[in-house]
Amino acid sequence: MRRNHRAAVFTATVLAGTLFAAGCSSSSGGKKSEEGGADASAGKATTPRMTVAMVTHASPGDTFWDLVRKGAQAAAAKDNIKLVYSSDPSAGNQANLVQNAIDQKVDGIALTAAKPDALKDVVAKATAAGIPVVGFNSGVSDWKKLGMLEYFGQDESIAGQAFGRRLNQLGAKHALCVIQEQGQVALEARCAGLKKGFSGKTDVLYVNGTDMPSVKSTITAKLTQDSSIDQVVTLGAPIALTAIQSLSDSGSKAKLATFDLNKDLVKAVQDGKVEFAVDQQPYLQGYLAVDSLWLYKNNGNFSGGGTAPVLTGPAFIDKTNVASVAKFAANGTR
């Protein structure tokens, strides 16, 4: 998903309030959640209160989205925004959550388009209702086709190619790219980019990212079966941390590198268990997506002129620079 950015870290508290009827849910359905920001420490907007819906494809328990939400909450606190967050890994259910936001007549929608085709019609409905929609995190190749106003995130193909070239420099010959959700455009693009940038052999392994025992056993079985694999590539921090166990269980000598960070992954880099990680700055993605809707409503601004995405990555984090992000990771913002 980088060019270097500096993002201010704001202190935010969670406000209880009215929930969407569908709320934050899993594919089986039901947990509701709304998050808004309280007063930030400085610079809070005095503009009229507005409501922004953030709808993501997050799977339950994926800590990546905690970082996105913290960034969104910080922007909401600063901008006098009521932030309503909901998520579902099912693209059809995610579309229903967007429809709920339209029905609630929100002032703006921040949306991840992991499976763009399923969201095309509902984004068009939002636009027709006069609700601006911005994309972030997933859908960098599709946001303009979907009619979104702007996009914040990482170009996954570019990130994957850069990852592959990094493996060339490290001398890897046979990579295993582990995808935790088949058909998710961002994840598929990462592995496809890896194949382009990497001069060695690349195998793709699909796992069920919502079932970590299964992830562990599937990776272990593959490494046991094929001892020529010398590099494991994961596409999320929780998957990487599970793959560490798989490497140990299988007796494999392969190295491990990953996309995305959390505080436990930062420690794994510090300890040498993970060679490097690609940081797409999810906190920044959440912050910019919400802040952009405030700017559009109050000053008619839109980043990239409606033609270019705002890139938040990729940046490589390894032992040489991990200390510079460790303190922010400990705060839960990197």
Foldseek 3Di string as FASTA:
>chain_A
DADDDDDDQWDWDWDDDDWQQQAAAEPPGHDHDWGATAATPDQADPDDEFEEEEEELDHPPALLVVLLVSLLRRLRNRDNYRYGYYYYNDLLVSLVVLVSVVVVVGQEYEYECQPVVSNLVSLVVCVVSVHAYEYEDHDQVCCVVSPHQAYEWAPQLVVLLVVQLVVVVVPFAEEEEEAQDPSRVSSVSNQVSNVVNHPHHYHYHYFNNNDLVRLLVRLLVVCLVDLSHQEYEYEGDVSQVSVLVSCVVNVHNHAYEYEDDALVVLVCQQVRNHAKYWHQQSSVRSNCSNNQSSCCVPPVDTPPNSPHHHGHDTDIGHNVCSVVCNVVNVVVND
